[in-house]
Amino acid sequence: MEIEIATIGGYEEVGRQMTAVRAGDDVVIFDMGLNLSQVLIHDNVETERMHSLDLIDMGAIPDDRVMSDLEGDVKAIVPTHGHLDHIGAISKLAHRYDAPVVATPFTIELVKQQIEGEQKFGVENDLVKMEAGETMSIGDSGTVDLEFVNVTHSIIDAINPVLHTPEGAVVYGLDKRMDHTPVIGDPIDMERFREIGREGNGVLCYIEDCTNANKKGRTPSETVAREHLRDVLYSIEDYDGGIVATTFSSHIARVKSLVEFADDIGRQPVLLGRSMEKYSGTAERLDFVDFPSDLGMFGHRKSVDRTFKRIMNEGKENYLPIVTGHQGEPRAMLTRMARGETPYELDDGDKVVFSARVIPEPTNEGQRYQAEKLLGMQGARVYDDIHVSGHLNQEGHYEMLDALQPQHIIPAHQDMSGYSSYVNLCESEGYKMGRDLHVTRNGNLIQLVD
């Protein structure tokens, strides 16, 4: 069976992920993502109102024209998890393909919400839920199957999809870290990865997330970030002024920890910001997390400002607002607070806890720097970098290669300079550039089996 891979997006940057795998006449697309940094550099861009061609020209979503060179029919669109760099282009591109979107329940719900907010295209692809550990048949040959393997990442319900073919398995390894003690959900299923590496013809190809491939050691568990967060919040328990926290809205495990520790230090937690309300509300509705019944979630500007007024009237020392804006996004809640654009008044000595790292990209770095400077000008004390990454460090990459023992490797989720450490690791394990290690660019085709 011919096996061909189209590296459509995310092979020259972290963002706008999209890969297609052709097995005979059947094609499966993995991810359709947005490169948010290409949007943020423009003022007041509303992507939901824009045409896909304009977003392609902007470099914000994948240029999927290479799909016309794949001789087969798309049978499924498979986002691996709910981050925008993996689902953010589904509302712009999925309607081009007569295929269902297949994903885990939390991811499907986020895709559904995004499609409902789309104002340019009508997206009528079926949305099919599939749990980690399950398998579905692809196409009519009876020899190609799609399997979801449970992984851990900085968002719940993440999987690595595996396309089983007669020539071996194609494992799409974006995005994950190796967490054996997650705060929410099951540990990464390393046992299943090892089985896949040794079944039948083994692993034909492994497509790997190289975000942190240049970092030594292993990525810590989310429980490490939870304990770090506990230590910081407990250390300021006796402060009688304002404490504000911010983290990734989609990081439900981190939000859960913040909510629990707020109660421990005698403060009422409240979630503020549109994306905070969206992700946490969705997770609670689908029973992924059990928040206190009196936890407030407010997304619209008026309801947020009313909440801030109530906090100021009842005393900042009684509340822990958990807000959007960890990257200094211009319209996010923390940035508005830093500019003095909300009823919440920051005073000298008030604490701002960033339970997130800056995403290493110039737009984010500049915005975060500006936000921290504005907070400092109001007298706030900043607690930074209370976080663990959602991506594998070098030892995790080594363990995955050892488990899967792939015949071919395609690095992804980085720019060209970011691949060097992963290439060195692969070469130390006997792989060779141009033979079985394929460093490629967006828009290329790689023929693995003729």
Protein backbone atom coordinates (compact mmCIF):
# COMPACT_ATOMS: atom_id res chain seq x y z
CA MET A 1 0.00 0.00 0.00
CA GLU A 2 1.30 3.45 -0.92
CA ILE A 3 1.91 5.66 2.11
CA GLU A 4 2.42 9.39 1.57
CA ILE A 5 2.53 12.29 4.01
CA ALA A 6 1.74 15.94 3.27
CA THR A 7 3.39 18.35 5.71
CA ILE A 8 0.97 21.25 5.30
CA GLY A 9 1.43 23.52 8.33
CA GLY A 10 3.46 23.68 11.53
CA TYR A 11 6.73 22.51 9.99
CA GLU A 12 8.32 25.96 9.91
CA GLU A 13 6.71 27.41 13.05
CA VAL A 14 4.88 26.57 16.27
CA GLY A 15 1.32 27.06 15.10
CA ARG A 16 -1.15 26.36 12.25
CA GLN A 17 -0.58 22.60 12.52
CA MET A 18 -1.90 20.47 9.66
CA THR A 19 -0.69 17.13 8.33
CA ALA A 20 -2.32 14.67 5.92
CA VAL A 21 -1.51 10.96 5.66
CA ARG A 22 -2.52 8.98 2.57
CA ALA A 23 -2.79 5.21 2.91
CA GLY A 24 -3.74 3.83 -0.50
CA ASP A 25 -6.84 5.76 -1.58
CA ASP A 26 -7.71 6.98 1.91
CA VAL A 27 -6.51 10.26 3.44
CA VAL A 28 -6.68 11.33 7.09
CA ILE A 29 -5.96 14.92 8.09
CA PHE A 30 -4.43 15.54 11.51
CA ASP A 31 -5.09 19.02 12.97
CA MET A 32 -6.18 22.29 11.31
CA GLY A 33 -4.65 25.03 13.41
CA LEU A 34 -4.23 28.78 13.69
CA ASN A 35 -0.95 30.67 14.05
CA LEU A 36 -2.21 33.19 16.58
CA SER A 37 0.94 35.33 16.47
CA GLN A 38 0.22 36.14 12.81
CA VAL A 39 -3.16 37.47 13.89
CA LEU A 40 -2.01 39.38 16.97
CA ILE A 41 0.43 41.58 15.04
CA HIS A 42 -2.59 43.15 13.29
CA ASP A 43 -4.93 45.47 15.16
CA ASN A 44 -8.57 44.51 15.62
CA VAL A 45 -8.50 41.45 13.36
CA GLU A 46 -11.65 39.33 13.71
CA THR A 47 -10.74 35.99 12.14
CA GLU A 48 -14.33 34.73 12.26
CA ARG A 49 -15.24 37.38 9.67
CA MET A 50 -12.27 36.75 7.36
CA HIS A 51 -11.98 34.61 4.23
CA SER A 52 -9.68 31.60 4.39
CA LEU A 53 -7.59 32.88 1.48
CA ASP A 54 -6.84 36.13 3.32
CA LEU A 55 -5.86 34.17 6.42
CA ILE A 56 -3.62 31.90 4.33
CA ASP A 57 -1.91 34.94 2.80
CA MET A 58 -1.45 36.34 6.31
CA GLY A 59 0.26 33.10 7.39
CA ALA A 60 -2.42 32.56 10.01
CA ILE A 61 -3.83 29.22 8.80
CA PRO A 62 -2.36 26.36 6.74
CA ASP A 63 -2.07 26.68 2.96
CA ASP A 64 -3.77 23.40 2.07
CA ARG A 65 -3.33 23.64 -1.72
CA VAL A 66 -0.86 20.74 -1.58
CA MET A 67 -3.88 18.52 -0.81
CA SER A 68 -4.73 18.58 -4.52
CA ASP A 69 -1.52 16.58 -5.12
CA LEU A 70 -2.66 13.74 -2.85
CA GLU A 71 -4.44 11.10 -4.93
CA GLY A 72 -7.10 9.97 -2.49
CA ASP A 73 -10.24 10.96 -0.63
CA VAL A 74 -10.22 12.55 2.80
CA LYS A 75 -12.01 10.21 5.22
CA ALA A 76 -11.52 12.05 8.51
CA ILE A 77 -10.26 15.30 10.02
CA VAL A 78 -8.67 14.52 13.38
CA PRO A 79 -7.70 17.31 15.79
CA THR A 80 -5.52 15.98 18.59
CA HIS A 81 -6.70 18.41 21.28
CA GLY A 82 -8.48 21.72 21.76
CA HIS A 83 -5.70 24.31 21.52
CA LEU A 84 -6.22 26.89 18.78
CA ASP A 85 -2.96 26.04 17.01
CA HIS A 86 -4.60 22.64 16.35
CA ILE A 87 -8.31 23.45 15.85
CA GLY A 88 -8.33 27.16 14.97
CA ALA A 89 -8.60 26.66 11.19
CA ILE A 90 -11.31 23.98 11.18
CA SER A 91 -14.02 26.62 10.75
CA LYS A 92 -12.13 27.98 7.70
CA LEU A 93 -10.96 24.82 5.93
CA ALA A 94 -13.03 21.79 6.98
CA HIS A 95 -15.93 22.62 4.64
CA ARG A 96 -13.60 21.91 1.68
CA TYR A 97 -13.55 18.22 2.61
CA ASP A 98 -16.42 15.74 2.61
CA ALA A 99 -15.29 14.13 5.85
CA PRO A 100 -16.27 14.10 9.53
CA VAL A 101 -14.28 15.75 12.29
CA VAL A 102 -13.30 12.97 14.69
CA ALA A 103 -12.02 13.89 18.15
CA THR A 104 -12.38 13.30 21.87
CA PRO A 105 -15.51 14.73 23.58
CA PHE A 106 -13.91 17.88 25.04
CA THR A 107 -12.15 18.67 21.76
CA ILE A 108 -15.34 18.09 19.76
CA GLU A 109 -17.23 20.51 22.02
CA LEU A 110 -14.60 23.22 21.47
CA VAL A 111 -14.69 22.61 17.70
CA LYS A 112 -18.50 22.88 17.79
CA GLN A 113 -18.29 26.23 19.59
CA GLN A 114 -15.79 27.53 17.08
CA ILE A 115 -17.94 26.50 14.13
CA GLU A 116 -20.95 28.19 15.74
CA GLY A 117 -18.96 31.44 15.96
CA GLU A 118 -17.85 31.31 12.31
CA GLN A 119 -19.41 34.11 10.25
CA LYS A 120 -17.88 33.57 6.81
CA PHE A 121 -18.37 29.89 5.98
CA GLY A 122 -21.05 27.31 6.63
CA VAL A 123 -19.33 24.27 8.14
CA GLU A 124 -21.55 21.20 8.01
CA ASN A 125 -19.02 18.41 8.57
CA ASP A 126 -20.29 15.74 10.95
CA LEU A 127 -18.73 15.90 14.42
CA VAL A 128 -17.88 12.43 15.70
CA LYS A 129 -16.79 11.72 19.28
CA MET A 130 -14.21 9.03 19.92
CA GLU A 131 -12.59 8.26 23.27
CA ALA A 132 -8.95 7.54 23.99
CA GLY A 133 -8.38 3.79 23.65
CA GLU A 134 -10.96 3.40 20.89
CA THR A 135 -10.45 2.48 17.21
CA MET A 136 -12.44 3.14 14.04
CA SER A 137 -12.10 1.79 10.52
CA ILE A 138 -11.00 4.21 7.78
CA GLY A 139 -12.21 3.76 4.20
CA ASP A 140 -13.48 0.61 2.53
CA SER A 141 -10.31 -1.46 2.29
CA GLY A 142 -10.75 -2.95 5.75
CA THR A 143 -7.00 -2.66 6.34
CA VAL A 144 -6.68 0.92 7.65
CA ASP A 145 -7.72 1.82 11.20
CA LEU A 146 -7.54 4.98 13.32
CA GLU A 147 -6.69 4.59 17.02
CA PHE A 148 -6.60 7.20 19.79
CA VAL A 149 -3.87 6.76 22.42
CA ASN A 150 -4.27 8.72 25.65
CA VAL A 151 -1.59 11.36 26.29
CA THR A 152 -1.12 14.18 28.77
CA HIS A 153 -0.79 17.82 27.77
CA SER A 154 -1.69 21.27 29.12
CA ILE A 155 -5.33 20.71 28.14
CA ILE A 156 -7.63 17.85 29.07
CA ASP A 157 -8.75 15.02 26.77
CA ALA A 158 -5.65 15.09 24.53
CA ILE A 159 -4.70 12.10 22.38
CA ASN A 160 -2.08 11.01 19.86
CA PRO A 161 -3.83 9.47 16.84
CA VAL A 162 -2.32 6.37 15.24
CA LEU A 163 -3.15 5.32 11.67
CA HIS A 164 -2.67 1.57 11.36
CA THR A 165 -1.84 0.43 7.81
CA PRO A 166 -0.57 -2.84 6.30
CA GLU A 167 2.84 -1.17 6.00
CA GLY A 168 3.01 -0.26 9.69
CA ALA A 169 1.60 2.44 11.95
CA VAL A 170 1.86 6.20 11.41
CA VAL A 171 1.97 7.82 14.85
CA TYR A 172 1.13 11.53 14.99
CA GLY A 173 2.87 12.66 18.17
CA LEU A 174 1.56 16.22 18.63
CA ASP A 175 1.24 17.49 21.48
CA LYS A 176 2.18 15.82 24.74
CA ARG A 177 4.30 15.55 27.82
CA MET A 178 4.99 12.35 29.74
CA ASP A 179 2.88 12.81 32.87
CA HIS A 180 2.38 9.76 35.09
CA THR A 181 0.62 11.70 37.88
CA PRO A 182 -1.71 14.22 36.17
CA VAL A 183 -4.06 16.40 38.22
CA ILE A 184 -7.00 15.57 35.93
CA GLY A 185 -7.45 12.49 33.75
CA ASP A 186 -5.40 9.36 33.15
CA PRO A 187 -1.59 9.12 32.80
CA ILE A 188 0.01 8.89 29.37
CA ASP A 189 -0.48 5.39 27.97
CA MET A 190 3.16 4.42 27.47
CA GLU A 191 2.25 0.73 27.62
CA ARG A 192 0.13 1.12 24.48
CA PHE A 193 2.88 3.05 22.67
CA ARG A 194 5.32 0.22 23.43
CA GLU A 195 2.82 -2.33 22.12
CA ILE A 196 2.32 -0.37 18.89
CA GLY A 197 6.10 -0.30 18.41
CA ARG A 198 6.23 -4.08 18.47
CA GLU A 199 2.98 -5.10 16.73
CA GLY A 200 2.93 -6.35 13.13
CA ASN A 201 5.22 -4.20 11.01
CA GLY A 202 5.82 -1.80 13.88
CA VAL A 203 5.83 1.96 13.41
CA LEU A 204 6.41 3.09 9.85
CA CYS A 205 6.59 6.78 10.74
CA TYR A 206 6.59 8.96 13.83
CA ILE A 207 5.70 12.65 13.49
CA GLU A 208 6.98 14.40 16.62
CA ASP A 209 6.30 17.62 18.51
CA CYS A 210 9.72 19.29 18.87
CA THR A 211 8.66 22.37 20.87
CA ASN A 212 11.00 21.62 23.79
CA ALA A 213 13.47 19.32 22.06
CA ASN A 214 16.34 21.67 22.94
CA LYS A 215 15.65 21.40 26.69
CA LYS A 216 17.55 18.82 28.71
CA GLY A 217 16.02 16.39 31.19
CA ARG A 218 12.35 15.50 31.44
CA THR A 219 9.27 17.69 31.67
CA PRO A 220 7.88 17.69 35.22
CA SER A 221 4.37 16.47 36.02
CA GLU A 222 1.46 18.87 36.47
CA THR A 223 1.56 17.87 40.16
CA VAL A 224 4.88 19.76 40.39
CA ALA A 225 3.24 22.96 39.09
CA ARG A 226 0.35 22.36 41.51
CA GLU A 227 2.72 22.16 44.49
CA HIS A 228 4.64 25.23 43.31
CA LEU A 229 1.37 27.12 43.04
CA ARG A 230 0.30 25.93 46.49
CA ASP A 231 3.61 27.14 47.97
CA VAL A 232 3.27 30.61 46.41
CA LEU A 233 -0.35 31.17 47.40
CA TYR A 234 0.13 29.85 50.94
CA SER A 235 3.14 32.18 51.32
CA ILE A 236 0.93 35.24 50.70
CA GLU A 237 -2.08 33.94 52.65
CA ASP A 238 -1.77 36.70 55.27
CA TYR A 239 -1.63 39.56 52.75
CA ASP A 240 -4.67 41.77 53.31
CA GLY A 241 -4.84 43.35 49.85
CA GLY A 242 -5.52 42.21 46.32
CA ILE A 243 -4.24 38.93 44.83
CA VAL A 244 -4.90 38.23 41.16
CA ALA A 245 -3.95 35.06 39.26
CA THR A 246 -3.71 34.33 35.55
CA THR A 247 -3.10 31.16 33.58
CA PHE A 248 -3.99 29.52 30.26
CA SER A 249 -7.79 29.49 30.06
CA SER A 250 -7.69 26.02 28.50
CA HIS A 251 -5.50 24.61 31.27
CA ILE A 252 -8.34 23.16 33.32
CA ALA A 253 -6.04 21.31 35.74
CA ARG A 254 -4.26 24.58 36.62
CA VAL A 255 -7.55 26.47 36.99
CA LYS A 256 -8.77 23.67 39.28
CA SER A 257 -5.69 24.06 41.49
CA LEU A 258 -6.11 27.84 41.65
CA VAL A 259 -9.77 27.48 42.66
CA GLU A 260 -8.92 24.98 45.40
CA PHE A 261 -6.01 26.98 46.82
CA ALA A 262 -8.04 30.20 46.81
CA ASP A 263 -10.46 28.51 49.18
CA ASP A 264 -7.54 27.24 51.30
CA ILE A 265 -6.29 30.80 51.88
CA GLY A 266 -9.74 32.12 52.68
CA ARG A 267 -10.57 33.82 49.39
CA GLN A 268 -13.51 33.41 47.04
CA PRO A 269 -12.26 32.42 43.58
CA VAL A 270 -13.95 33.92 40.53
CA LEU A 271 -13.17 33.22 36.84
CA LEU A 272 -13.13 36.31 34.61
CA GLY A 273 -12.76 36.63 30.84
CA ARG A 274 -14.51 35.15 27.81
CA SER A 275 -12.10 32.27 27.23
CA MET A 276 -11.92 31.47 30.96
CA GLU A 277 -15.69 31.15 31.06
CA LYS A 278 -15.74 29.14 27.82
CA TYR A 279 -13.15 26.47 28.66
CA SER A 280 -13.97 25.99 32.35
CA GLY A 281 -17.71 26.08 31.71
CA THR A 282 -17.36 23.45 28.99
CA ALA A 283 -15.16 21.21 31.15
CA GLU A 284 -17.62 21.39 34.04
CA ARG A 285 -20.62 20.74 31.80
CA LEU A 286 -18.95 17.61 30.40
CA ASP A 287 -18.01 16.41 33.92
CA PHE A 288 -14.25 16.64 33.45
CA VAL A 289 -13.98 18.80 36.57
CA ASP A 290 -16.13 19.41 39.64
CA PHE A 291 -15.98 23.07 40.63
CA PRO A 292 -17.70 24.47 43.75
CA SER A 293 -21.36 25.26 43.12
CA ASP A 294 -20.84 28.92 44.03
CA LEU A 295 -17.88 29.49 41.67
CA GLY A 296 -18.62 32.52 39.51
CA MET A 297 -17.67 32.49 35.81
CA PHE A 298 -18.14 35.73 33.89
CA GLY A 299 -17.11 36.43 30.31
CA HIS A 300 -19.01 39.46 29.04
CA ARG A 301 -17.55 42.88 29.73
CA LYS A 302 -20.52 44.22 31.70
CA SER A 303 -20.78 41.18 33.96
CA VAL A 304 -17.03 41.23 34.56
CA ASP A 305 -17.07 44.91 35.50
CA ARG A 306 -20.04 44.33 37.82
CA THR A 307 -18.03 41.59 39.51
CA PHE A 308 -15.02 43.89 39.89
CA LYS A 309 -17.25 46.53 41.50
CA ARG A 310 -18.57 43.95 43.94
CA ILE A 311 -15.01 42.88 44.81
CA MET A 312 -14.00 46.50 45.45
CA ASN A 313 -17.09 47.09 47.62
CA GLU A 314 -16.74 43.88 49.64
CA GLY A 315 -12.95 44.01 49.92
CA LYS A 316 -10.20 42.75 47.62
CA GLU A 317 -8.82 40.70 50.50
CA ASN A 318 -11.85 38.39 50.24
CA TYR A 319 -11.41 37.37 46.60
CA LEU A 320 -9.00 35.73 44.14
CA PRO A 321 -9.88 36.81 40.58
CA ILE A 322 -8.54 34.24 38.08
CA VAL A 323 -8.31 36.15 34.81
CA THR A 324 -7.26 35.93 31.18
CA GLY A 325 -4.16 37.75 29.96
CA HIS A 326 -1.12 35.64 30.91
CA GLN A 327 0.58 36.55 27.61
CA GLY A 328 -0.28 40.25 27.89
CA GLU A 329 -2.88 40.00 25.12
CA PRO A 330 -4.14 43.56 24.45
CA ARG A 331 -7.84 42.86 25.00
CA ALA A 332 -7.48 40.31 27.80
CA MET A 333 -8.67 40.97 31.33
CA LEU A 334 -5.29 41.34 33.08
CA THR A 335 -4.05 43.81 30.47
CA ARG A 336 -7.18 45.93 30.96
CA MET A 337 -6.57 45.80 34.72
CA ALA A 338 -2.95 46.87 34.21
CA ARG A 339 -4.10 49.85 32.13
CA GLY A 340 -6.62 50.89 34.77
CA GLU A 341 -9.55 50.15 32.45
CA THR A 342 -11.59 48.13 34.97
CA PRO A 343 -13.25 48.99 38.31
CA TYR A 344 -10.61 46.80 40.03
CA GLU A 345 -7.92 49.08 41.48
CA LEU A 346 -4.41 47.73 41.97
CA ASP A 347 -2.54 49.16 44.97
CA ASP A 348 1.09 49.12 46.04
CA GLY A 349 2.01 45.61 47.14
CA ASP A 350 -0.89 43.80 45.48
CA LYS A 351 0.15 40.39 44.12
CA VAL A 352 -0.19 39.17 40.52
CA VAL A 353 0.51 35.47 40.05
CA PHE A 354 1.44 34.32 36.52
CA SER A 355 0.91 30.55 36.42
CA ALA A 356 2.19 30.45 32.84
CA ARG A 357 5.40 30.99 30.93
CA VAL A 358 5.72 33.42 28.06
CA ILE A 359 5.20 31.59 24.77
CA PRO A 360 8.62 32.08 23.10
CA GLU A 361 7.50 34.19 20.17
CA PRO A 362 8.32 37.89 19.63
CA THR A 363 4.72 39.17 19.66
CA ASN A 364 3.93 37.40 22.93
CA GLU A 365 7.21 38.41 24.53
CA GLY A 366 6.62 42.07 23.72
CA GLN A 367 3.03 42.07 24.95
CA ARG A 368 3.89 40.24 28.16
CA TYR A 369 6.77 42.64 28.85
CA GLN A 370 4.44 45.60 28.40
CA ALA A 371 1.78 44.09 30.67
CA GLU A 372 4.27 43.41 33.46
CA LYS A 373 5.64 46.96 33.18
CA LEU A 374 2.14 48.42 33.44
CA LEU A 375 1.38 46.24 36.46
CA GLY A 376 4.63 47.34 38.09
CA MET A 377 3.78 51.00 37.48
CA GLN A 378 0.64 50.47 39.57
CA GLY A 379 2.73 48.99 42.37
CA ALA A 380 1.90 45.33 41.80
CA ARG A 381 4.35 42.59 42.80
CA VAL A 382 4.66 39.93 40.09
CA TYR A 383 5.10 36.20 40.82
CA ASP A 384 6.26 34.66 37.56
CA ASP A 385 6.84 31.29 35.90
CA ILE A 386 4.74 29.07 38.19
CA HIS A 387 4.34 26.51 35.46
CA VAL A 388 5.41 23.28 33.82
CA SER A 389 5.37 22.81 30.06
CA GLY A 390 2.94 20.63 28.15
CA HIS A 391 5.69 19.39 25.83
CA LEU A 392 8.38 16.73 26.04
CA ASN A 393 11.96 17.62 26.94
CA GLN A 394 14.88 15.60 25.58
CA GLU A 395 14.56 12.55 27.83
CA GLY A 396 10.88 12.25 26.95
CA HIS A 397 11.80 12.28 23.27
CA TYR A 398 14.37 9.55 23.90
CA GLU A 399 11.76 7.43 25.71
CA MET A 400 9.29 7.80 22.83
CA LEU A 401 11.89 6.73 20.26
CA ASP A 402 12.77 3.75 22.45
CA ALA A 403 9.10 2.80 22.84
CA LEU A 404 8.07 3.17 19.19
CA GLN A 405 11.32 2.34 17.34
CA PRO A 406 9.99 4.02 14.17
CA GLN A 407 11.37 3.33 10.71
CA HIS A 408 10.97 7.00 9.71
CA ILE A 409 10.81 10.23 11.73
CA ILE A 410 9.39 13.63 10.75
CA PRO A 411 10.06 16.48 13.23
CA ALA A 412 7.26 19.06 13.55
CA HIS A 413 5.95 21.93 15.70
CA GLN A 414 9.08 24.09 15.44
CA ASP A 415 10.99 26.38 13.13
CA MET A 416 14.13 25.22 11.35
CA SER A 417 16.50 26.41 14.07
CA GLY A 418 14.44 24.59 16.68
CA TYR A 419 14.90 21.16 15.09
CA SER A 420 18.66 20.91 15.63
CA SER A 421 18.60 19.23 19.05
CA TYR A 422 16.00 16.70 17.95
CA VAL A 423 17.99 15.93 14.81
CA ASN A 424 21.07 15.36 16.96
CA LEU A 425 19.12 13.00 19.22
CA CYS A 426 17.77 11.03 16.26
CA GLU A 427 21.20 10.78 14.65
CA SER A 428 22.66 9.51 17.92
CA GLU A 429 20.04 6.73 17.72
CA GLY A 430 21.14 5.73 14.20
CA TYR A 431 18.79 7.76 12.01
CA LYS A 432 20.18 9.71 9.06
CA MET A 433 18.99 12.94 7.44
CA GLY A 434 17.54 12.29 3.99
CA ARG A 435 17.26 8.56 4.56
CA ASP A 436 14.84 7.98 7.43
CA LEU A 437 14.93 11.36 9.20
CA HIS A 438 12.93 13.90 7.22
CA VAL A 439 13.29 17.57 8.18
CA THR A 440 10.84 19.29 5.88
CA ARG A 441 8.90 22.49 5.25
CA ASN A 442 5.25 23.41 4.89
CA GLY A 443 3.68 22.30 1.62
CA ASN A 444 5.84 19.24 0.96
CA LEU A 445 5.01 15.61 0.17
CA ILE A 446 7.01 12.71 1.58
CA GLN A 447 6.56 9.30 -0.09
CA LEU A 448 7.30 6.62 2.50
CA VAL A 449 6.06 3.56 0.57
CA ASP A 450 5.73 3.52 -3.24
